[in-house]
Amino acid sequence: MNPIYVGRWRVDPTVRDGVVPALPLPVAALARAIAGALDAARAPSPAAIGLILADDAELAELNVTHLGHDGPTDVLSFPLLPPEAFPPHAGDPDRGPVLRAGDAAAFSGPPGRRVHLGDIVVSVERAADQASAGRGGQTGDVRWSPADELRLLVTHGALHICGWDHADPAEEREMRALERLLLDSGR
């Protein structure tokens, strides 16, 4: 699939075989949701990010390989930059020092090139199941459309790429509030 450009961002989508008939909204709408999250997180730009739309089987394999958890999950993020490469945000008490020019972790490639922020992998199958069963919204208690669930998952994944997390209550509260804001503004 061709890259999708949204402002300063390039989203490189990959749609696995068999996912297209189940896709509840256009890939361009998902790219806009990702771009909104990258803007809100003040990610370094211009930049590129990968989006892989897959199924439960692929997410289950990635989940066990990378996190050691059995079974499928809805979204996984694979950031390529350390959290310190992104501006600090509310609810982020464990953020390390801001990177400075010359720090090895701040290297982003030749000037004028887009830095690749990482990849987001989403199970379209899981998004549809969670939405229809009323287990969506990342809190497991929201009943809404599969399209809304998928928009949330790509937004959530993009925020993880940018160093946002929900490991402690303060971080989770801030991340959920930003997700709601972004979803409301994107409708």
N, C-alpha and C. Protein backbone atom coordinates (compact mmCIF):
# COMPACT_ATOMS: atom_id res chain seq x y z
N MET A 1 0.84 -1.17 0.00
CA MET A 1 0.00 0.00 0.00
C MET A 1 0.90 1.24 0.00
N ASN A 2 0.45 2.30 -0.62
CA ASN A 2 1.23 3.53 -0.72
C ASN A 2 1.24 4.29 0.60
N PRO A 3 2.32 5.06 0.84
CA PRO A 3 2.36 5.89 2.04
C PRO A 3 1.24 6.93 2.01
N ILE A 4 0.82 7.32 3.20
CA ILE A 4 -0.20 8.36 3.34
C ILE A 4 0.45 9.52 4.08
N TYR A 5 0.40 10.69 3.47
CA TYR A 5 0.99 11.89 4.07
C TYR A 5 -0.10 12.71 4.72
N VAL A 6 0.12 13.03 6.00
CA VAL A 6 -0.81 13.89 6.74
C VAL A 6 0.06 14.94 7.43
N GLY A 7 0.05 16.15 6.91
CA GLY A 7 0.91 17.19 7.47
C GLY A 7 2.36 16.77 7.40
N ARG A 8 3.04 16.81 8.54
CA ARG A 8 4.47 16.49 8.62
C ARG A 8 4.73 14.99 8.71
N TRP A 9 3.67 14.21 8.71
CA TRP A 9 3.80 12.78 9.00
C TRP A 9 3.59 11.94 7.75
N ARG A 10 4.36 10.85 7.65
CA ARG A 10 4.12 9.84 6.63
C ARG A 10 3.75 8.56 7.36
N VAL A 11 2.58 8.04 7.04
CA VAL A 11 2.14 6.76 7.62
C VAL A 11 2.31 5.71 6.53
N ASP A 12 3.05 4.67 6.88
CA ASP A 12 3.31 3.57 5.94
C ASP A 12 2.43 2.39 6.32
N PRO A 13 1.25 2.27 5.67
CA PRO A 13 0.34 1.20 6.05
C PRO A 13 0.64 -0.12 5.34
N THR A 14 0.41 -1.19 6.08
CA THR A 14 0.45 -2.54 5.53
C THR A 14 -0.84 -3.20 5.99
N VAL A 15 -1.60 -3.69 5.04
CA VAL A 15 -2.85 -4.38 5.37
C VAL A 15 -2.67 -5.85 5.00
N ARG A 16 -2.70 -6.70 6.00
CA ARG A 16 -2.49 -8.13 5.77
C ARG A 16 -3.66 -8.71 4.98
N ASP A 17 -3.36 -9.80 4.25
CA ASP A 17 -4.40 -10.50 3.48
C ASP A 17 -5.57 -10.87 4.39
N GLY A 18 -6.76 -10.71 3.88
CA GLY A 18 -7.96 -11.09 4.62
C GLY A 18 -8.49 -10.01 5.54
N VAL A 19 -7.73 -8.95 5.77
CA VAL A 19 -8.18 -7.89 6.69
C VAL A 19 -9.07 -6.88 5.99
N VAL A 20 -8.83 -6.64 4.71
CA VAL A 20 -9.55 -5.59 3.98
C VAL A 20 -11.07 -5.71 4.08
N PRO A 21 -11.66 -6.90 3.89
CA PRO A 21 -13.13 -6.95 3.99
C PRO A 21 -13.65 -6.57 5.38
N ALA A 22 -12.84 -6.76 6.42
CA ALA A 22 -13.28 -6.48 7.79
C ALA A 22 -12.96 -5.06 8.23
N LEU A 23 -12.25 -4.29 7.41
CA LEU A 23 -11.83 -2.95 7.80
C LEU A 23 -13.03 -2.01 7.85
N PRO A 24 -13.36 -1.48 9.05
CA PRO A 24 -14.58 -0.68 9.19
C PRO A 24 -14.46 0.78 8.77
N LEU A 25 -13.27 1.22 8.38
CA LEU A 25 -13.10 2.58 7.88
C LEU A 25 -11.85 2.64 7.03
N PRO A 26 -11.72 3.67 6.20
CA PRO A 26 -10.56 3.74 5.31
C PRO A 26 -9.24 3.90 6.07
N VAL A 27 -8.18 3.38 5.50
CA VAL A 27 -6.85 3.48 6.10
C VAL A 27 -6.47 4.96 6.26
N ALA A 28 -6.91 5.81 5.34
CA ALA A 28 -6.59 7.25 5.43
C ALA A 28 -7.16 7.85 6.72
N ALA A 29 -8.30 7.38 7.18
CA ALA A 29 -8.87 7.87 8.44
C ALA A 29 -8.01 7.44 9.62
N LEU A 30 -7.45 6.25 9.56
CA LEU A 30 -6.55 5.79 10.61
C LEU A 30 -5.25 6.61 10.60
N ALA A 31 -4.77 6.95 9.40
CA ALA A 31 -3.57 7.77 9.28
C ALA A 31 -3.81 9.15 9.90
N ARG A 32 -4.99 9.71 9.71
CA ARG A 32 -5.32 11.01 10.32
C ARG A 32 -5.35 10.91 11.84
N ALA A 33 -5.87 9.81 12.37
CA ALA A 33 -5.89 9.62 13.82
C ALA A 33 -4.47 9.51 14.37
N ILE A 34 -3.61 8.80 13.67
CA ILE A 34 -2.21 8.68 14.09
C ILE A 34 -1.54 10.05 14.05
N ALA A 35 -1.75 10.79 12.98
CA ALA A 35 -1.15 12.12 12.86
C ALA A 35 -1.61 13.03 14.00
N GLY A 36 -2.87 12.94 14.37
CA GLY A 36 -3.37 13.74 15.49
C GLY A 36 -2.66 13.41 16.79
N ALA A 37 -2.41 12.13 17.02
CA ALA A 37 -1.70 11.70 18.23
C ALA A 37 -0.25 12.17 18.20
N LEU A 38 0.39 12.07 17.03
CA LEU A 38 1.79 12.52 16.92
C LEU A 38 1.90 14.03 17.14
N ASP A 39 0.93 14.78 16.60
CA ASP A 39 0.91 16.23 16.84
C ASP A 39 0.74 16.52 18.33
N ALA A 40 -0.21 15.85 18.96
CA ALA A 40 -0.49 16.09 20.38
C ALA A 40 0.71 15.74 21.26
N ALA A 41 1.44 14.70 20.89
CA ALA A 41 2.61 14.27 21.66
C ALA A 41 3.86 15.07 21.30
N ARG A 42 3.73 15.95 20.32
CA ARG A 42 4.84 16.79 19.86
C ARG A 42 6.05 15.94 19.45
N ALA A 43 5.74 14.91 18.66
CA ALA A 43 6.78 14.01 18.17
C ALA A 43 7.73 14.78 17.25
N PRO A 44 9.01 14.36 17.19
CA PRO A 44 9.94 15.01 16.28
C PRO A 44 9.46 14.85 14.84
N SER A 45 9.61 15.89 14.07
CA SER A 45 9.11 15.83 12.70
C SER A 45 10.10 16.53 11.77
N PRO A 46 10.02 16.22 10.47
CA PRO A 46 9.09 15.29 9.85
C PRO A 46 9.47 13.86 10.22
N ALA A 47 8.48 13.00 10.23
CA ALA A 47 8.73 11.62 10.65
C ALA A 47 7.79 10.67 9.92
N ALA A 48 8.17 9.39 9.99
CA ALA A 48 7.36 8.32 9.42
C ALA A 48 7.02 7.34 10.53
N ILE A 49 5.91 6.65 10.34
CA ILE A 49 5.48 5.63 11.30
C ILE A 49 4.80 4.51 10.51
N GLY A 50 5.02 3.29 10.93
CA GLY A 50 4.40 2.15 10.26
C GLY A 50 3.09 1.78 10.94
N LEU A 51 2.13 1.37 10.14
CA LEU A 51 0.85 0.86 10.64
C LEU A 51 0.60 -0.47 9.97
N ILE A 52 0.48 -1.52 10.76
CA ILE A 52 0.21 -2.85 10.24
C ILE A 52 -1.15 -3.29 10.76
N LEU A 53 -2.06 -3.52 9.84
CA LEU A 53 -3.41 -3.98 10.18
C LEU A 53 -3.44 -5.48 9.96
N ALA A 54 -3.60 -6.21 11.06
CA ALA A 54 -3.45 -7.67 11.05
C ALA A 54 -4.66 -8.34 11.70
N ASP A 55 -4.47 -9.59 12.10
CA ASP A 55 -5.54 -10.35 12.74
C ASP A 55 -5.06 -10.87 14.10
N ASP A 56 -5.93 -11.56 14.79
CA ASP A 56 -5.60 -12.09 16.12
C ASP A 56 -4.41 -13.04 16.10
N ALA A 57 -4.30 -13.85 15.07
CA ALA A 57 -3.20 -14.83 15.02
C ALA A 57 -1.85 -14.12 15.01
N GLU A 58 -1.72 -13.08 14.20
CA GLU A 58 -0.44 -12.37 14.15
C GLU A 58 -0.15 -11.65 15.46
N LEU A 59 -1.18 -11.02 16.05
CA LEU A 59 -0.98 -10.32 17.33
C LEU A 59 -0.65 -11.30 18.45
N ALA A 60 -1.24 -12.49 18.42
CA ALA A 60 -0.93 -13.50 19.44
C ALA A 60 0.53 -13.92 19.33
N GLU A 61 1.01 -14.09 18.12
CA GLU A 61 2.41 -14.48 17.91
C GLU A 61 3.35 -13.37 18.39
N LEU A 62 3.05 -12.13 18.03
CA LEU A 62 3.88 -11.01 18.47
C LEU A 62 3.82 -10.83 19.99
N ASN A 63 2.65 -11.03 20.55
CA ASN A 63 2.45 -10.87 21.99
C ASN A 63 3.31 -11.85 22.79
N VAL A 64 3.34 -13.09 22.37
CA VAL A 64 4.15 -14.08 23.09
C VAL A 64 5.64 -13.85 22.84
N THR A 65 6.00 -13.50 21.62
CA THR A 65 7.41 -13.29 21.27
C THR A 65 8.00 -12.09 21.99
N HIS A 66 7.27 -10.99 22.02
CA HIS A 66 7.84 -9.74 22.54
C HIS A 66 7.47 -9.41 23.98
N LEU A 67 6.32 -9.90 24.45
CA LEU A 67 5.91 -9.59 25.82
C LEU A 67 5.79 -10.82 26.71
N GLY A 68 5.85 -11.99 26.11
CA GLY A 68 5.74 -13.22 26.89
C GLY A 68 4.32 -13.51 27.36
N HIS A 69 3.32 -12.88 26.72
CA HIS A 69 1.92 -13.10 27.09
C HIS A 69 1.26 -13.99 26.06
N ASP A 70 0.54 -15.00 26.54
CA ASP A 70 -0.20 -15.89 25.64
C ASP A 70 -1.47 -15.22 25.15
N GLY A 71 -1.84 -15.51 23.92
CA GLY A 71 -3.09 -15.04 23.35
C GLY A 71 -2.95 -13.72 22.63
N PRO A 72 -4.00 -13.40 21.87
CA PRO A 72 -3.96 -12.16 21.10
C PRO A 72 -4.17 -10.94 21.99
N THR A 73 -3.77 -9.82 21.48
CA THR A 73 -4.05 -8.53 22.10
C THR A 73 -4.53 -7.61 21.00
N ASP A 74 -5.00 -6.43 21.36
CA ASP A 74 -5.58 -5.55 20.34
C ASP A 74 -4.56 -4.70 19.61
N VAL A 75 -3.53 -4.18 20.32
CA VAL A 75 -2.55 -3.31 19.68
C VAL A 75 -1.20 -3.50 20.37
N LEU A 76 -0.16 -3.48 19.56
CA LEU A 76 1.21 -3.48 20.06
C LEU A 76 1.97 -2.36 19.37
N SER A 77 2.83 -1.71 20.12
CA SER A 77 3.65 -0.64 19.57
C SER A 77 5.11 -1.02 19.71
N PHE A 78 5.87 -0.69 18.68
CA PHE A 78 7.30 -0.98 18.66
C PHE A 78 8.05 0.32 18.38
N PRO A 79 8.32 1.10 19.44
CA PRO A 79 9.01 2.38 19.25
C PRO A 79 10.48 2.18 18.89
N LEU A 80 10.98 3.08 18.07
CA LEU A 80 12.39 3.02 17.70
C LEU A 80 13.21 4.10 18.39
N LEU A 81 12.57 5.06 19.01
CA LEU A 81 13.26 6.11 19.74
C LEU A 81 12.98 5.94 21.23
N PRO A 82 13.91 6.35 22.07
CA PRO A 82 13.67 6.28 23.51
C PRO A 82 12.64 7.34 23.92
N PRO A 83 11.93 7.13 25.03
CA PRO A 83 10.94 8.12 25.47
C PRO A 83 11.53 9.52 25.62
N GLU A 84 12.81 9.61 25.94
CA GLU A 84 13.45 10.92 26.12
C GLU A 84 13.56 11.71 24.83
N ALA A 85 13.32 11.07 23.68
CA ALA A 85 13.36 11.77 22.41
C ALA A 85 12.10 12.61 22.19
N PHE A 86 11.12 12.46 23.08
CA PHE A 86 9.85 13.17 22.99
C PHE A 86 9.74 14.14 24.16
N PRO A 87 9.00 15.23 23.98
CA PRO A 87 8.85 16.18 25.10
C PRO A 87 8.17 15.52 26.29
N PRO A 88 8.53 15.93 27.50
CA PRO A 88 7.84 15.42 28.69
C PRO A 88 6.36 15.78 28.64
N HIS A 89 5.56 15.03 29.35
CA HIS A 89 4.12 15.31 29.40
C HIS A 89 3.60 15.04 30.80
N ALA A 90 2.42 15.55 31.06
CA ALA A 90 1.79 15.39 32.38
C ALA A 90 1.63 13.90 32.70
N GLY A 91 1.80 13.57 33.95
CA GLY A 91 1.62 12.20 34.38
C GLY A 91 2.79 11.30 34.04
N ASP A 92 3.95 11.89 33.77
CA ASP A 92 5.11 11.10 33.35
C ASP A 92 6.26 11.29 34.34
N PRO A 93 6.14 10.73 35.54
CA PRO A 93 7.14 10.97 36.58
C PRO A 93 8.49 10.29 36.35
N ASP A 94 8.54 9.28 35.49
CA ASP A 94 9.79 8.53 35.35
C ASP A 94 10.56 8.87 34.08
N ARG A 95 10.19 9.97 33.43
CA ARG A 95 10.89 10.36 32.20
C ARG A 95 12.32 10.74 32.53
N GLY A 96 13.25 10.24 31.74
CA GLY A 96 14.66 10.56 31.95
C GLY A 96 14.98 11.95 31.44
N PRO A 97 16.26 12.30 31.42
CA PRO A 97 16.65 13.64 30.96
C PRO A 97 16.37 13.82 29.48
N VAL A 98 16.09 15.06 29.10
CA VAL A 98 15.86 15.38 27.69
C VAL A 98 17.16 15.16 26.94
N LEU A 99 17.06 14.54 25.76
CA LEU A 99 18.25 14.29 24.97
C LEU A 99 18.80 15.60 24.41
N ARG A 100 20.10 15.65 24.29
CA ARG A 100 20.77 16.83 23.73
C ARG A 100 21.46 16.43 22.44
N ALA A 101 21.71 17.43 21.59
CA ALA A 101 22.44 17.17 20.36
C ALA A 101 23.75 16.47 20.71
N GLY A 102 24.07 15.44 19.98
CA GLY A 102 25.29 14.69 20.23
C GLY A 102 25.07 13.42 21.03
N ASP A 103 23.94 13.33 21.77
CA ASP A 103 23.63 12.09 22.49
C ASP A 103 23.38 10.99 21.46
N ALA A 104 23.96 9.83 21.68
CA ALA A 104 23.79 8.73 20.73
C ALA A 104 22.32 8.40 20.51
N ALA A 105 21.51 8.43 21.56
CA ALA A 105 20.09 8.09 21.44
C ALA A 105 19.31 9.15 20.67
N ALA A 106 19.89 10.34 20.48
CA ALA A 106 19.19 11.40 19.75
C ALA A 106 19.44 11.30 18.25
N PHE A 107 20.30 10.39 17.82
CA PHE A 107 20.61 10.28 16.39
C PHE A 107 19.37 9.88 15.62
N SER A 108 19.06 10.61 14.57
CA SER A 108 17.86 10.30 13.81
C SER A 108 18.13 10.13 12.32
N GLY A 109 19.40 10.11 11.92
CA GLY A 109 19.71 9.92 10.52
C GLY A 109 20.18 11.20 9.87
N PRO A 110 20.42 11.14 8.57
CA PRO A 110 20.93 12.31 7.86
C PRO A 110 19.93 13.47 7.89
N PRO A 111 20.44 14.70 7.84
CA PRO A 111 19.55 15.87 7.81
C PRO A 111 18.61 15.81 6.60
N GLY A 112 17.40 16.29 6.80
CA GLY A 112 16.42 16.30 5.72
C GLY A 112 15.68 14.99 5.53
N ARG A 113 16.03 13.98 6.27
CA ARG A 113 15.36 12.67 6.16
C ARG A 113 14.32 12.54 7.25
N ARG A 114 13.30 11.80 6.96
CA ARG A 114 12.28 11.52 7.98
C ARG A 114 12.80 10.46 8.93
N VAL A 115 12.69 10.73 10.20
CA VAL A 115 13.03 9.72 11.20
C VAL A 115 11.87 8.73 11.25
N HIS A 116 12.17 7.45 11.40
CA HIS A 116 11.11 6.45 11.55
C HIS A 116 10.88 6.27 13.05
N LEU A 117 9.67 6.59 13.50
CA LEU A 117 9.35 6.56 14.92
C LEU A 117 9.12 5.15 15.45
N GLY A 118 8.65 4.26 14.60
CA GLY A 118 8.35 2.90 15.02
C GLY A 118 7.15 2.36 14.27
N ASP A 119 6.61 1.26 14.77
CA ASP A 119 5.49 0.58 14.12
C ASP A 119 4.38 0.28 15.11
N ILE A 120 3.16 0.41 14.61
CA ILE A 120 1.96 0.06 15.37
C ILE A 120 1.33 -1.14 14.67
N VAL A 121 1.03 -2.19 15.42
CA VAL A 121 0.38 -3.37 14.85
C VAL A 121 -0.96 -3.54 15.56
N VAL A 122 -2.04 -3.59 14.77
CA VAL A 122 -3.39 -3.66 15.33
C VAL A 122 -4.11 -4.89 14.80
N SER A 123 -4.82 -5.58 15.68
CA SER A 123 -5.70 -6.67 15.25
C SER A 123 -7.06 -6.07 14.94
N VAL A 124 -7.38 -6.01 13.66
CA VAL A 124 -8.70 -5.52 13.23
C VAL A 124 -9.79 -6.46 13.75
N GLU A 125 -9.48 -7.73 13.77
CA GLU A 125 -10.41 -8.75 14.28
C GLU A 125 -10.74 -8.49 15.76
N ARG A 126 -9.74 -8.24 16.57
CA ARG A 126 -9.93 -7.98 18.01
C ARG A 126 -10.70 -6.68 18.21
N ALA A 127 -10.39 -5.65 17.42
CA ALA A 127 -11.09 -4.36 17.53
C ALA A 127 -12.58 -4.55 17.30
N ALA A 128 -12.93 -5.29 16.27
CA ALA A 128 -14.35 -5.52 15.96
C ALA A 128 -15.02 -6.32 17.06
N ASP A 129 -14.35 -7.36 17.56
CA ASP A 129 -14.92 -8.18 18.64
C ASP A 129 -15.12 -7.38 19.92
N GLN A 130 -14.11 -6.59 20.30
CA GLN A 130 -14.21 -5.78 21.52
C GLN A 130 -15.34 -4.76 21.42
N ALA A 131 -15.45 -4.11 20.28
CA ALA A 131 -16.48 -3.09 20.10
C ALA A 131 -17.88 -3.71 20.17
N SER A 132 -18.09 -4.80 19.47
CA SER A 132 -19.43 -5.39 19.43
C SER A 132 -19.83 -6.03 20.75
N ALA A 133 -18.84 -6.46 21.53
CA ALA A 133 -19.13 -7.10 22.82
C ALA A 133 -19.18 -6.11 23.98
N GLY A 134 -18.96 -4.82 23.69
CA GLY A 134 -18.98 -3.81 24.75
C GLY A 134 -17.75 -3.86 25.63
N ARG A 135 -16.64 -4.35 25.07
CA ARG A 135 -15.39 -4.45 25.83
C ARG A 135 -14.32 -3.53 25.26
N GLY A 136 -14.75 -2.43 24.63
CA GLY A 136 -13.80 -1.53 23.99
C GLY A 136 -13.36 -0.40 24.88
N GLY A 137 -12.75 0.59 24.24
CA GLY A 137 -12.35 1.79 24.93
C GLY A 137 -11.10 1.67 25.77
N GLN A 138 -10.31 0.63 25.59
CA GLN A 138 -9.11 0.36 26.38
C GLN A 138 -9.41 0.16 27.87
N THR A 139 -10.63 0.43 28.29
CA THR A 139 -11.01 0.18 29.68
C THR A 139 -11.86 -1.08 29.77
N GLY A 140 -12.25 -1.62 28.61
CA GLY A 140 -13.00 -2.86 28.58
C GLY A 140 -14.47 -2.73 28.89
N ASP A 141 -15.00 -1.49 28.85
CA ASP A 141 -16.40 -1.31 29.21
C ASP A 141 -17.15 -0.37 28.27
N VAL A 142 -16.62 -0.17 27.06
CA VAL A 142 -17.25 0.75 26.12
C VAL A 142 -17.85 -0.03 24.96
N ARG A 143 -19.10 0.27 24.65
CA ARG A 143 -19.75 -0.31 23.48
C ARG A 143 -19.89 0.81 22.45
N TRP A 144 -19.18 0.65 21.36
CA TRP A 144 -19.25 1.61 20.27
C TRP A 144 -18.92 0.90 18.97
N SER A 145 -18.78 1.62 17.90
CA SER A 145 -18.58 0.98 16.60
C SER A 145 -17.16 0.43 16.47
N PRO A 146 -17.00 -0.60 15.64
CA PRO A 146 -15.65 -1.09 15.35
C PRO A 146 -14.75 0.02 14.80
N ALA A 147 -15.31 0.96 14.04
CA ALA A 147 -14.51 2.07 13.52
C ALA A 147 -13.95 2.91 14.66
N ASP A 148 -14.78 3.22 15.68
CA ASP A 148 -14.31 3.99 16.82
C ASP A 148 -13.25 3.22 17.60
N GLU A 149 -13.44 1.94 17.76
CA GLU A 149 -12.46 1.12 18.49
C GLU A 149 -11.12 1.10 17.74
N LEU A 150 -11.18 0.96 16.44
CA LEU A 150 -9.96 0.94 15.65
C LEU A 150 -9.25 2.30 15.70
N ARG A 151 -10.00 3.39 15.64
CA ARG A 151 -9.39 4.72 15.78
C ARG A 151 -8.72 4.87 17.15
N LEU A 152 -9.37 4.37 18.19
CA LEU A 152 -8.77 4.43 19.52
C LEU A 152 -7.47 3.62 19.56
N LEU A 153 -7.48 2.44 19.00
CA LEU A 153 -6.30 1.58 19.06
C LEU A 153 -5.10 2.18 18.34
N VAL A 154 -5.32 2.80 17.17
CA VAL A 154 -4.18 3.41 16.48
C VAL A 154 -3.70 4.66 17.23
N THR A 155 -4.63 5.39 17.84
CA THR A 155 -4.27 6.55 18.66
C THR A 155 -3.45 6.10 19.86
N HIS A 156 -3.93 5.08 20.54
CA HIS A 156 -3.25 4.51 21.70
C HIS A 156 -1.85 4.03 21.32
N GLY A 157 -1.77 3.31 20.21
CA GLY A 157 -0.47 2.82 19.75
C GLY A 157 0.49 3.94 19.42
N ALA A 158 0.01 5.00 18.78
CA ALA A 158 0.87 6.14 18.44
C ALA A 158 1.37 6.83 19.70
N LEU A 159 0.52 6.97 20.70
CA LEU A 159 0.97 7.58 21.96
C LEU A 159 2.04 6.73 22.64
N HIS A 160 1.90 5.41 22.58
CA HIS A 160 2.94 4.54 23.13
C HIS A 160 4.27 4.75 22.38
N ILE A 161 4.20 4.89 21.07
CA ILE A 161 5.41 5.15 20.28
C ILE A 161 6.12 6.41 20.80
N CYS A 162 5.31 7.39 21.23
CA CYS A 162 5.83 8.69 21.69
C CYS A 162 6.18 8.71 23.17
N GLY A 163 6.24 7.56 23.81
CA GLY A 163 6.67 7.49 25.20
C GLY A 163 5.57 7.60 26.23
N TRP A 164 4.32 7.66 25.80
CA TRP A 164 3.20 7.68 26.75
C TRP A 164 2.97 6.27 27.25
N ASP A 165 2.49 6.16 28.48
CA ASP A 165 2.27 4.85 29.07
C ASP A 165 1.10 4.93 30.05
N HIS A 166 0.69 3.77 30.52
CA HIS A 166 -0.41 3.70 31.50
C HIS A 166 -0.05 2.73 32.61
N ALA A 167 1.24 2.70 32.96
CA ALA A 167 1.72 1.78 33.99
C ALA A 167 1.32 2.20 35.39
N ASP A 168 1.20 3.49 35.63
CA ASP A 168 0.74 3.93 36.95
C ASP A 168 -0.49 4.82 36.79
N PRO A 169 -1.25 5.01 37.86
CA PRO A 169 -2.53 5.72 37.75
C PRO A 169 -2.43 7.13 37.16
N ALA A 170 -1.41 7.88 37.51
CA ALA A 170 -1.29 9.25 36.99
C ALA A 170 -1.05 9.23 35.49
N GLU A 171 -0.17 8.35 35.04
CA GLU A 171 0.10 8.23 33.60
C GLU A 171 -1.15 7.77 32.86
N GLU A 172 -1.82 6.78 33.43
CA GLU A 172 -3.03 6.26 32.77
C GLU A 172 -4.10 7.34 32.65
N ARG A 173 -4.30 8.09 33.70
CA ARG A 173 -5.31 9.16 33.68
C ARG A 173 -5.00 10.17 32.57
N GLU A 174 -3.75 10.58 32.46
CA GLU A 174 -3.35 11.56 31.44
C GLU A 174 -3.48 10.97 30.04
N MET A 175 -3.08 9.72 29.87
CA MET A 175 -3.14 9.09 28.56
C MET A 175 -4.60 8.91 28.10
N ARG A 176 -5.45 8.44 29.00
CA ARG A 176 -6.87 8.25 28.66
C ARG A 176 -7.54 9.59 28.33
N ALA A 177 -7.19 10.64 29.08
CA ALA A 177 -7.78 11.96 28.83
C ALA A 177 -7.37 12.47 27.45
N LEU A 178 -6.11 12.29 27.08
CA LEU A 178 -5.66 12.73 25.76
C LEU A 178 -6.31 11.90 24.67
N GLU A 179 -6.44 10.60 24.88
CA GLU A 179 -7.12 9.76 23.88
C GLU A 179 -8.55 10.23 23.66
N ARG A 180 -9.27 10.50 24.74
CA ARG A 180 -10.67 10.98 24.60
C ARG A 180 -10.71 12.30 23.83
N LEU A 181 -9.82 13.21 24.17
CA LEU A 181 -9.76 14.50 23.47
C LEU A 181 -9.50 14.31 21.99
N LEU A 182 -8.54 13.47 21.65
CA LEU A 182 -8.20 13.24 20.26
C LEU A 182 -9.34 12.55 19.51
N LEU A 183 -9.99 11.59 20.14
CA LEU A 183 -11.10 10.91 19.47
C LEU A 183 -12.27 11.86 19.27
N ASP A 184 -12.56 12.69 20.28
CA ASP A 184 -13.66 13.65 20.13
C ASP A 184 -13.37 14.67 19.04
N SER A 185 -12.12 15.11 18.93
CA SER A 185 -11.77 16.13 17.93
C SER A 185 -11.70 15.54 16.53
N GLY A 186 -11.51 14.22 16.44
CA GLY A 186 -11.39 13.58 15.13
C GLY A 186 -12.70 13.12 14.52
N ARG A 187 -13.78 13.29 15.24
CA ARG A 187 -15.08 12.81 14.72
C ARG A 187 -15.69 13.80 13.78
